[in-house]
Amino acid sequence: MKTSNAGLKKIYQQNPDTGAFLIETALDRYEDIFNEWDPAPYKRRDLNPDLRRYLEDSSNDIPLRNAIELLFKAPVQVYTDAKECNTREGLATYLVCEVDAARKILRRIHRLSLINLCVAAVLLTAVTWIGRIENGTLLIAVLREGLTIGSWVFTWELISLFFFRRFELRRELKKWQRLARAEVSFAYRE
């Protein structure tokens, strides 16, 4: 969904100092940021699935060219400096892990693309070589057709991975990188 900056300003507030769009989330306690089923300490916990979906949706709404900031609003009585610091670190760790995971998938796509290119080239070379046989039998004709079909399958997979899937994954990587770079702040309400 393409949204103009004027439309975005109706949905998301902007930080007047930085111009970054604010993704605001209300919390009752710091633990709301993380998955309640994950017993790990904050620094290694998974994000709450609802919060993750909200951050992804909000990040998708805001064009990548715009900076974002994450603002968590919580009751003043839950404030402790140590918990806020641990929460900030845990969130940063989670986001950096998502960036790393997206990079790994992108590298895998590049490897698979190269493998498909090599297999397609080998099959096309074999088709060309078999095509030079003058006294072709039925077996040679079937082999040539099979190799031709195989080369097209690997070529299509190369095109699909490299030009379509890679584009989606690069956008996903940029989204997570922007979230990982986003300033995280907390505001406390009475």
Protein backbone atom coordinates (compact mmCIF):
# COMPACT_ATOMS: atom_id res chain seq x y z
CA MET A 1 0.00 0.00 0.00
CA LYS A 2 1.55 3.27 -1.14
CA THR A 3 0.87 6.15 1.20
CA SER A 4 1.90 9.76 0.69
CA ASN A 5 3.77 11.60 3.44
CA ALA A 6 0.59 13.60 4.11
CA GLY A 7 -1.34 10.35 4.51
CA LEU A 8 1.40 8.90 6.74
CA LYS A 9 1.23 11.96 8.99
CA LYS A 10 -2.44 11.18 9.61
CA ILE A 11 -1.55 7.67 10.76
CA TYR A 12 1.89 8.12 12.37
CA GLN A 13 3.26 11.03 14.33
CA GLN A 14 6.60 12.48 13.36
CA ASN A 15 9.43 13.39 15.67
CA PRO A 16 9.70 17.17 15.15
CA ASP A 17 13.46 17.10 15.78
CA THR A 18 14.43 14.24 13.44
CA GLY A 19 11.47 13.97 11.06
CA ALA A 20 11.34 10.22 11.71
CA PHE A 21 7.94 8.56 11.87
CA LEU A 22 7.06 7.19 15.30
CA ILE A 23 5.81 3.65 15.68
CA GLU A 24 4.08 3.90 19.04
CA THR A 25 3.15 0.97 21.24
CA ALA A 26 1.37 0.98 24.58
CA LEU A 27 2.65 -1.40 27.24
CA ASP A 28 1.43 -2.36 30.67
CA ARG A 29 4.85 -3.74 31.61
CA TYR A 30 8.23 -4.29 29.94
CA GLU A 31 7.55 -8.01 29.56
CA ASP A 32 4.78 -7.22 27.03
CA ILE A 33 7.48 -6.64 24.40
CA PHE A 34 8.66 -10.23 24.56
CA ASN A 35 7.05 -13.61 23.97
CA GLU A 36 5.56 -14.73 27.27
CA TRP A 37 6.27 -18.39 26.45
CA ASP A 38 10.00 -17.78 26.02
CA PRO A 39 11.75 -18.34 29.38
CA ALA A 40 15.12 -16.94 28.21
CA PRO A 41 16.48 -13.74 29.76
CA TYR A 42 15.53 -10.48 28.03
CA LYS A 43 18.75 -10.34 26.06
CA ARG A 44 17.86 -13.53 24.16
CA ARG A 45 14.06 -13.57 24.12
CA ASP A 46 11.79 -13.68 21.11
CA LEU A 47 9.51 -10.74 20.45
CA ASN A 48 5.82 -10.96 21.27
CA PRO A 49 4.26 -12.27 18.01
CA ASP A 50 1.59 -9.55 18.03
CA LEU A 51 4.22 -6.82 18.51
CA ARG A 52 6.38 -8.32 15.78
CA ARG A 53 3.43 -8.31 13.36
CA TYR A 54 2.58 -4.73 14.35
CA LEU A 55 6.17 -3.57 13.80
CA GLU A 56 6.32 -5.33 10.43
CA ASP A 57 2.99 -3.89 9.30
CA SER A 58 3.92 -0.39 10.43
CA SER A 59 7.32 -0.65 8.79
CA ASN A 60 5.65 -1.78 5.56
CA ASP A 61 3.32 1.24 5.71
CA ILE A 62 6.21 3.68 5.95
CA PRO A 63 8.41 3.86 2.83
CA LEU A 64 11.98 2.69 3.35
CA ARG A 65 13.33 6.14 2.50
CA ASN A 66 11.79 7.47 5.73
CA ALA A 67 13.43 6.98 9.12
CA ILE A 68 11.45 5.45 11.95
CA GLU A 69 11.64 5.50 15.73
CA LEU A 70 10.08 3.06 18.17
CA LEU A 71 8.26 4.64 21.09
CA PHE A 72 6.95 2.46 23.89
CA LYS A 73 4.49 4.05 26.31
CA ALA A 74 4.14 2.45 29.74
CA PRO A 75 2.70 3.36 33.15
CA VAL A 76 5.13 5.36 35.26
CA GLN A 77 4.92 2.85 38.14
CA VAL A 78 6.63 0.11 36.08
CA TYR A 79 9.73 2.24 35.40
CA THR A 80 13.06 0.87 36.52
CA ASP A 81 16.28 1.88 34.86
CA ALA A 82 17.63 -1.68 34.86
CA LYS A 83 14.52 -3.20 33.25
CA GLU A 84 14.35 -0.44 30.65
CA CYS A 85 18.01 -1.00 29.78
CA ASN A 86 17.56 -4.79 29.61
CA THR A 87 14.45 -4.40 27.47
CA ARG A 88 16.27 -2.05 25.10
CA GLU A 89 19.17 -4.52 24.81
CA GLY A 90 16.85 -7.48 24.28
CA LEU A 91 14.94 -5.67 21.55
CA ALA A 92 18.19 -4.63 19.85
CA THR A 93 19.51 -8.20 20.00
CA TYR A 94 16.29 -9.57 18.52
CA LEU A 95 16.33 -7.06 15.64
CA VAL A 96 20.01 -7.69 14.86
CA CYS A 97 19.27 -11.44 14.80
CA GLU A 98 16.46 -10.80 12.29
CA VAL A 99 18.90 -8.84 10.10
CA ASP A 100 21.39 -11.71 10.28
CA ALA A 101 18.68 -14.26 9.44
CA ALA A 102 17.58 -12.23 6.41
CA ARG A 103 21.22 -11.98 5.25
CA LYS A 104 21.65 -15.76 5.57
CA ILE A 105 18.55 -16.40 3.48
CA LEU A 106 19.77 -13.92 0.86
CA ARG A 107 23.17 -15.65 0.70
CA ARG A 108 21.37 -18.99 0.32
CA ILE A 109 19.34 -17.57 -2.58
CA HIS A 110 22.57 -16.40 -4.23
CA ARG A 111 24.13 -19.86 -3.80
CA LEU A 112 21.04 -21.60 -5.20
CA SER A 113 20.99 -19.17 -8.13
CA LEU A 114 24.61 -19.99 -8.93
CA ILE A 115 23.92 -23.74 -8.68
CA ASN A 116 20.91 -23.41 -11.00
CA LEU A 117 23.00 -21.39 -13.47
CA CYS A 118 25.74 -24.04 -13.51
CA VAL A 119 23.30 -26.96 -13.90
CA ALA A 120 21.39 -25.14 -16.67
CA ALA A 121 24.68 -24.40 -18.49
CA VAL A 122 25.82 -28.03 -18.19
CA LEU A 123 22.47 -29.31 -19.48
CA LEU A 124 22.44 -26.85 -22.40
CA THR A 125 26.00 -27.86 -23.28
CA ALA A 126 24.96 -31.51 -23.19
CA VAL A 127 21.95 -30.77 -25.42
CA THR A 128 24.22 -29.02 -27.91
CA TRP A 129 26.72 -31.86 -27.85
CA ILE A 130 24.03 -34.54 -28.26
CA GLY A 131 22.45 -32.48 -31.07
CA ARG A 132 25.64 -32.98 -33.15
CA ILE A 133 25.12 -36.73 -33.31
CA GLU A 134 23.91 -37.41 -36.86
CA ASN A 135 22.55 -40.94 -36.59
CA GLY A 136 20.19 -40.19 -33.74
CA THR A 137 18.16 -43.04 -32.37
CA LEU A 138 14.96 -42.75 -30.44
CA LEU A 139 16.97 -42.95 -27.23
CA ILE A 140 19.14 -39.99 -28.32
CA ALA A 141 16.04 -37.97 -29.25
CA VAL A 142 14.38 -38.68 -25.89
CA LEU A 143 17.62 -37.85 -24.04
CA ARG A 144 17.98 -34.57 -25.98
CA GLU A 145 14.36 -33.58 -25.20
CA GLY A 146 14.76 -34.50 -21.52
CA LEU A 147 17.95 -32.47 -21.21
CA THR A 148 16.31 -29.52 -23.00
CA ILE A 149 13.35 -29.60 -20.60
CA GLY A 150 15.72 -29.93 -17.63
CA SER A 151 17.78 -26.96 -18.78
CA TRP A 152 14.61 -24.84 -19.07
CA VAL A 153 13.48 -25.90 -15.59
CA PHE A 154 16.81 -24.89 -14.04
CA THR A 155 16.88 -21.67 -16.06
CA TRP A 156 13.37 -20.75 -14.87
CA GLU A 157 14.32 -21.53 -11.26
CA LEU A 158 17.35 -19.26 -11.67
CA ILE A 159 15.16 -16.44 -12.99
CA SER A 160 12.57 -17.00 -10.27
CA LEU A 161 15.11 -17.00 -7.44
CA PHE A 162 17.42 -14.28 -8.66
CA PHE A 163 14.97 -11.78 -10.05
CA PHE A 164 11.79 -12.33 -8.03
CA ARG A 165 12.59 -13.98 -4.69
CA ARG A 166 15.83 -12.02 -4.22
CA PHE A 167 13.95 -8.74 -4.71
CA GLU A 168 11.48 -9.65 -1.93
CA LEU A 169 14.27 -10.75 0.39
CA ARG A 170 16.32 -7.59 -0.19
CA ARG A 171 13.28 -5.53 0.76
CA GLU A 172 12.79 -7.68 3.87
CA LEU A 173 16.45 -7.21 4.80
CA LYS A 174 16.18 -3.43 4.39
CA LYS A 175 13.06 -3.41 6.56
CA TRP A 176 14.82 -5.27 9.39
CA GLN A 177 17.93 -3.11 9.03
CA ARG A 178 15.80 0.02 9.41
CA LEU A 179 14.06 -1.43 12.47
CA ALA A 180 17.44 -2.36 13.97
CA ARG A 181 18.73 1.20 13.37
CA ALA A 182 15.60 2.82 14.79
CA GLU A 183 15.97 4.79 17.98
CA VAL A 184 14.08 3.14 20.82
CA SER A 185 12.57 5.33 23.49
CA PHE A 186 10.17 4.95 26.37
CA ALA A 187 7.58 7.41 27.58
CA TYR A 188 5.84 7.00 30.90
CA ARG A 189 2.27 8.00 31.65
CA GLU A 190 0.44 8.40 34.95
